[in-house]
Amino acid sequence: MEIHAHAKINLFLRICGIRPDGYHELETLMCPIGLHDIVRLYFNAKNETDISLDGRYLEDVPAGKDNLAVIAAERFFEAAGIRGGVHIKLLKRIPPGAGLGGGSADAAAVLCGLNSHYDNYLPESRLMEIAAGIGADIPFFISGKPAIATGIGEKLSFFPGLPFAHVVLVYPGVPVSTARVYKNLKIKLTKNKISVKNFNFDLSGSKGIFPPYGGKWLYNDLESAAVEICPAVLNAKKKILSFNPDGASMTGSGSAVFGLFKDENAAVRAAESIRKIEKWSVFLTRLLV
């Protein structure tokens, strides 16, 4: 069985405060993109779960029981009460430490793949519970739809009606630790009261209202903190902006930066030019809306 585990980008990310347990409350609009890992599942009768890795981006990706895909498989078997075994072959195309959610996407792909193999033994609501117990953003990848996430990322409101755009995604070759970015975050930088709730969104999807990309619509409270740790983030964003995209921003806690283009030819020109920069990885992809 083969599943595509799609990456995501954050079109909007605002830090709302810090909870007593130390986690940050946030509000973010996430959208899946075409870039994906490939997850292959090989079932066995040994009741054992293991993983093998292939691809370009393997540095800092756990190759054993600590991999989120393995954890997801074991949690599924436990929740379903199934004595099963699976070998997970993971082809990594999504750079880790880039704010693209690659590890979470892989875990969600495993949960969905196993459930499909066992004739949808668990309802989607139960898969969501298992996913949230592994990582706050994994439920988003279970749904695979654009959504606003609040809380620590676990509360989802699906968001239909996003306009299509081509995406030029730049990974500057330097992974950034999410924990380090949050530690470096200065809360005073997040006083901007901008919120998706203040915009003229039609969350029911009946009208599909969504303004053009650009300006304040693309926003990330974590960008300044990430730039202090990894100046290449700002360099990548400036390079993308030189091609006049309809909008550009950092995704997640970095270090990847994206530009949105309505015009495909403009996106192709930008990607081809930026690819000439040594050590940077450039992906020409699209929003999955």
Protein backbone atom coordinates (compact mmCIF):
# COMPACT_ATOMS: atom_id res chain seq x y z
CA MET A 1 0.00 0.00 0.00
CA GLU A 2 1.30 3.45 -0.96
CA ILE A 3 0.13 6.76 0.55
CA HIS A 4 1.21 10.30 -0.27
CA ALA A 5 1.89 12.30 2.89
CA HIS A 6 1.45 15.94 1.88
CA ALA A 7 3.29 18.83 3.49
CA LYS A 8 1.51 22.00 4.67
CA ILE A 9 2.18 25.69 4.76
CA ASN A 10 0.85 28.23 7.26
CA LEU A 11 -0.82 31.13 5.45
CA PHE A 12 -1.42 32.83 8.78
CA LEU A 13 0.06 32.16 12.23
CA ARG A 14 -0.49 34.27 15.32
CA ILE A 15 0.65 33.49 18.87
CA CYS A 16 -2.17 34.36 21.27
CA GLY A 17 -0.45 33.69 24.60
CA ILE A 18 1.14 31.09 26.86
CA ARG A 19 -0.83 28.49 28.81
CA PRO A 20 0.00 27.52 32.41
CA ASP A 21 1.57 24.28 31.13
CA GLY A 22 4.03 26.27 29.02
CA TYR A 23 2.47 25.54 25.63
CA HIS A 24 1.67 28.45 23.34
CA GLU A 25 -1.89 29.17 22.26
CA LEU A 26 -2.04 29.96 18.57
CA GLU A 27 -4.32 30.72 15.68
CA THR A 28 -3.21 29.51 12.27
CA LEU A 29 -4.61 28.91 8.81
CA MET A 30 -2.98 25.84 7.25
CA CYS A 31 -3.24 24.47 3.75
CA PRO A 32 -1.81 21.23 2.32
CA ILE A 33 0.48 21.51 -0.70
CA GLY A 34 1.54 19.17 -3.48
CA LEU A 35 4.97 18.37 -2.03
CA HIS A 36 4.78 14.99 -0.30
CA ASP A 37 6.62 12.09 1.26
CA ILE A 38 5.80 8.60 0.03
CA VAL A 39 4.77 6.08 2.68
CA ARG A 40 4.64 2.40 1.73
CA LEU A 41 3.15 -0.17 4.09
CA TYR A 42 4.13 -3.85 3.94
CA PHE A 43 2.07 -6.03 6.24
CA ASN A 44 3.48 -9.10 7.99
CA ALA A 45 2.39 -11.80 10.38
CA LYS A 46 5.21 -11.18 12.88
CA ASN A 47 3.25 -8.61 14.88
CA GLU A 48 6.24 -6.30 14.58
CA THR A 49 6.44 -2.70 13.43
CA ASP A 50 9.62 -1.25 11.96
CA ILE A 51 10.72 1.37 9.46
CA SER A 52 13.29 1.97 6.73
CA LEU A 53 14.18 5.37 5.29
CA ASP A 54 15.19 6.58 1.85
CA GLY A 55 15.45 9.94 0.15
CA ARG A 56 17.44 13.14 0.27
CA TYR A 57 16.33 14.52 3.63
CA LEU A 58 17.30 11.94 6.24
CA GLU A 59 19.39 13.99 8.64
CA ASP A 60 17.73 14.21 12.07
CA VAL A 61 14.92 11.84 10.98
CA PRO A 62 14.58 9.04 13.58
CA ALA A 63 15.15 5.62 12.03
CA GLY A 64 13.55 3.54 14.80
CA LYS A 65 10.85 3.51 17.45
CA ASP A 66 11.06 7.30 17.93
CA ASN A 67 9.83 8.00 14.40
CA LEU A 68 6.29 9.41 14.50
CA ALA A 69 5.21 6.99 11.78
CA VAL A 70 6.20 4.02 13.94
CA ILE A 71 4.52 5.53 17.00
CA ALA A 72 1.35 6.05 14.93
CA ALA A 73 1.31 2.41 13.82
CA GLU A 74 1.75 1.11 17.34
CA ARG A 75 -0.97 3.43 18.69
CA PHE A 76 -3.34 2.27 15.95
CA PHE A 77 -2.85 -1.42 16.71
CA GLU A 78 -3.30 -0.73 20.42
CA ALA A 79 -6.47 1.33 19.95
CA ALA A 80 -8.00 -1.15 17.50
CA GLY A 81 -7.03 -4.20 19.55
CA ILE A 82 -5.43 -5.74 16.48
CA ARG A 83 -2.41 -8.01 16.63
CA GLY A 84 -0.71 -6.92 13.45
CA GLY A 85 2.64 -6.05 12.03
CA VAL A 86 3.80 -3.62 9.38
CA HIS A 87 7.03 -2.51 7.80
CA ILE A 88 6.98 1.19 6.95
CA LYS A 89 9.14 2.29 4.03
CA LEU A 90 9.44 6.05 4.04
CA LEU A 91 10.72 8.06 1.08
CA LYS A 92 11.51 11.52 2.45
CA ARG A 93 10.88 14.41 0.09
CA ILE A 94 9.84 16.94 2.74
CA PRO A 95 12.81 18.57 4.50
CA PRO A 96 12.70 18.19 8.30
CA GLY A 97 13.06 21.29 10.47
CA ALA A 98 11.43 23.40 7.77
CA GLY A 99 7.99 24.11 9.25
CA LEU A 100 6.31 21.88 6.66
CA GLY A 101 4.99 19.20 9.04
CA GLY A 102 6.68 16.27 7.31
CA GLY A 103 6.88 13.99 10.35
CA SER A 104 3.28 14.70 11.30
CA ALA A 105 2.13 14.08 7.73
CA ASP A 106 3.90 10.70 7.75
CA ALA A 107 2.22 9.72 11.01
CA ALA A 108 -1.21 10.69 9.67
CA ALA A 109 -0.57 8.73 6.47
CA VAL A 110 0.24 5.62 8.50
CA LEU A 111 -2.92 5.98 10.60
CA CYS A 112 -5.11 6.40 7.52
CA GLY A 113 -3.34 3.62 5.62
CA LEU A 114 -3.70 1.12 8.44
CA ASN A 115 -7.34 2.01 8.97
CA SER A 116 -8.03 1.55 5.26
CA HIS A 117 -6.25 -1.82 5.24
CA TYR A 118 -8.42 -3.00 8.12
CA ASP A 119 -11.66 -1.92 6.39
CA ASN A 120 -11.97 1.40 8.23
CA TYR A 121 -12.14 -0.41 11.56
CA LEU A 122 -11.94 2.89 13.48
CA PRO A 123 -14.15 5.93 12.79
CA GLU A 124 -12.38 9.11 11.70
CA SER A 125 -13.18 10.71 15.07
CA ARG A 126 -11.17 7.99 16.81
CA LEU A 127 -8.28 8.43 14.36
CA MET A 128 -8.32 12.13 15.22
CA GLU A 129 -8.08 11.31 18.94
CA ILE A 130 -5.13 8.98 18.35
CA ALA A 131 -3.47 11.60 16.15
CA ALA A 132 -3.88 14.37 18.76
CA GLY A 133 -2.30 12.10 21.36
CA ILE A 134 0.84 11.86 19.22
CA GLY A 135 1.16 15.48 18.11
CA ALA A 136 -1.08 18.56 18.11
CA ASP A 137 -0.91 19.15 14.35
CA ILE A 138 -1.38 15.53 13.20
CA PRO A 139 -5.23 15.74 13.14
CA PHE A 140 -4.89 18.38 10.43
CA PHE A 141 -3.07 15.88 8.22
CA ILE A 142 -5.73 13.25 8.88
CA SER A 143 -8.30 15.57 7.29
CA GLY A 144 -6.02 16.79 4.52
CA LYS A 145 -8.11 19.93 4.06
CA PRO A 146 -7.40 23.65 4.58
CA ALA A 147 -8.28 24.51 8.17
CA ILE A 148 -7.97 27.08 10.92
CA ALA A 149 -6.29 25.55 13.97
CA THR A 150 -6.54 27.06 17.44
CA GLY A 151 -5.55 26.03 20.97
CA ILE A 152 -2.13 24.41 20.61
CA GLY A 153 -3.12 23.44 17.08
CA GLU A 154 -5.47 20.61 17.94
CA LYS A 155 -8.81 22.44 17.45
CA LEU A 156 -9.75 22.49 13.77
CA SER A 157 -12.32 24.46 11.78
CA PHE A 158 -12.28 23.45 8.14
CA PHE A 159 -11.82 26.32 5.73
CA PRO A 160 -13.34 25.86 2.26
CA GLY A 161 -13.07 28.46 -0.46
CA LEU A 162 -9.33 29.21 -0.56
CA PRO A 163 -8.27 30.40 -4.02
CA PHE A 164 -5.82 28.26 -5.95
CA ALA A 165 -2.20 29.40 -6.18
CA HIS A 166 1.11 28.07 -7.42
CA VAL A 167 3.70 27.81 -4.66
CA VAL A 168 7.42 28.44 -4.90
CA LEU A 169 8.83 26.89 -1.74
CA VAL A 170 12.40 27.59 -0.65
CA TYR A 171 14.24 25.57 1.99
CA PRO A 172 17.53 27.38 2.70
CA GLY A 173 19.28 24.17 3.70
CA VAL A 174 19.31 24.86 7.44
CA PRO A 175 16.82 23.07 9.72
CA VAL A 176 15.41 25.11 12.60
CA SER A 177 14.35 23.69 15.95
CA THR A 178 10.73 24.51 16.74
CA ALA A 179 11.49 24.50 20.46
CA ARG A 180 14.35 26.95 19.96
CA VAL A 181 12.18 29.31 17.92
CA TYR A 182 9.49 29.37 20.62
CA LYS A 183 12.14 29.92 23.29
CA ASN A 184 13.49 32.82 21.25
CA LEU A 185 10.02 34.32 20.74
CA LYS A 186 9.48 37.71 22.31
CA ILE A 187 5.82 37.92 23.26
CA LYS A 188 5.86 41.68 22.82
CA LEU A 189 6.31 41.04 19.11
CA THR A 190 2.94 39.30 19.00
CA LYS A 191 0.80 42.22 20.21
CA ASN A 192 -0.58 42.70 16.71
CA LYS A 193 -4.32 42.04 17.04
CA ILE A 194 -4.66 40.79 13.47
CA SER A 195 -6.81 37.67 13.39
CA VAL A 196 -8.47 35.53 10.75
CA LYS A 197 -11.64 36.06 12.77
CA ASN A 198 -11.54 39.77 11.91
CA PHE A 199 -11.50 39.15 8.17
CA ASN A 200 -14.46 38.72 5.88
CA PHE A 201 -14.18 34.95 5.68
CA ASP A 202 -17.22 32.85 4.96
CA LEU A 203 -16.44 29.77 7.05
CA SER A 204 -19.62 28.04 5.90
CA GLY A 205 -18.21 27.83 2.41
CA SER A 206 -21.53 28.92 0.91
CA LYS A 207 -19.96 31.94 -0.77
CA GLY A 208 -16.29 31.02 -0.75
CA ILE A 209 -15.25 34.55 0.20
CA PHE A 210 -11.51 35.03 0.49
CA PRO A 211 -9.57 38.19 -0.42
CA PRO A 212 -6.47 38.14 -2.62
CA TYR A 213 -3.26 36.85 -1.10
CA GLY A 214 -0.64 39.33 -0.02
CA GLY A 215 -0.05 42.03 2.54
CA LYS A 216 -1.43 41.29 5.98
CA TRP A 217 -3.17 38.14 4.78
CA LEU A 218 0.10 36.26 4.92
CA TYR A 219 1.41 36.64 8.45
CA ASN A 220 3.60 34.68 10.84
CA ASP A 221 4.38 35.73 14.41
CA LEU A 222 7.32 33.29 14.55
CA GLU A 223 9.20 34.76 11.61
CA SER A 224 11.22 37.33 13.56
CA ALA A 225 12.30 34.74 16.13
CA ALA A 226 13.32 32.32 13.40
CA VAL A 227 15.29 34.97 11.49
CA GLU A 228 17.36 35.71 14.59
CA ILE A 229 18.35 32.04 14.71
CA CYS A 230 18.62 31.50 10.96
CA PRO A 231 19.25 34.68 8.89
CA ALA A 232 18.89 32.57 5.73
CA VAL A 233 15.12 32.68 6.31
CA LEU A 234 15.09 36.42 5.61
CA ASN A 235 17.46 36.02 2.66
CA ALA A 236 15.15 33.42 1.12
CA LYS A 237 12.09 35.61 1.63
CA LYS A 238 13.81 38.63 0.05
CA LYS A 239 14.78 36.52 -2.94
CA ILE A 240 11.21 35.33 -3.43
CA LEU A 241 9.86 38.87 -3.04
CA SER A 242 12.18 40.05 -5.83
CA PHE A 243 9.96 38.09 -8.25
CA ASN A 244 6.82 40.00 -7.19
CA PRO A 245 4.69 37.13 -5.89
CA ASP A 246 1.11 37.69 -4.81
CA GLY A 247 2.36 37.09 -1.28
CA ALA A 248 5.26 35.53 0.62
CA SER A 249 5.85 34.31 4.17
CA MET A 250 7.66 31.79 6.33
CA THR A 251 5.78 28.60 7.15
CA GLY A 252 5.43 27.24 10.68
CA SER A 253 8.53 27.85 12.78
CA GLY A 254 10.73 27.82 9.67
CA SER A 255 13.07 27.59 8.00
CA ALA A 256 11.15 27.19 4.73
CA VAL A 257 9.69 30.26 3.03
CA PHE A 258 7.06 30.31 0.30
CA GLY A 259 5.76 32.62 -2.38
CA LEU A 260 2.26 32.39 -3.86
CA PHE A 261 1.74 33.09 -7.56
CA LYS A 262 -1.51 33.21 -9.48
CA ASP A 263 0.43 33.10 -12.74
CA GLU A 264 2.10 29.73 -13.41
CA ASN A 265 4.72 31.15 -15.77
CA ALA A 266 5.82 33.66 -13.15
CA ALA A 267 6.13 30.86 -10.59
CA VAL A 268 8.23 28.77 -12.99
CA ARG A 269 10.55 31.70 -13.72
CA ALA A 270 11.03 32.39 -10.02
CA ALA A 271 11.72 28.75 -9.17
CA GLU A 272 14.21 28.30 -12.00
CA SER A 273 16.14 31.41 -11.00
CA ILE A 274 16.22 30.66 -7.27
CA ARG A 275 17.38 27.08 -7.93
CA LYS A 276 20.72 28.50 -9.06
CA ILE A 277 21.52 29.45 -5.46
CA GLU A 278 23.82 26.86 -3.94
CA LYS A 279 22.59 24.85 -0.91
CA TRP A 280 19.00 26.00 -1.28
CA SER A 281 16.27 23.52 -2.18
CA VAL A 282 13.46 24.93 -4.32
CA PHE A 283 10.13 23.21 -4.91
CA LEU A 284 7.55 24.30 -7.46
CA THR A 285 4.22 23.03 -6.16
CA ARG A 286 0.63 24.16 -5.53
CA LEU A 287 -1.99 24.70 -2.86
CA LEU A 288 -4.34 21.74 -2.43
CA VAL A 289 -7.59 23.58 -1.96
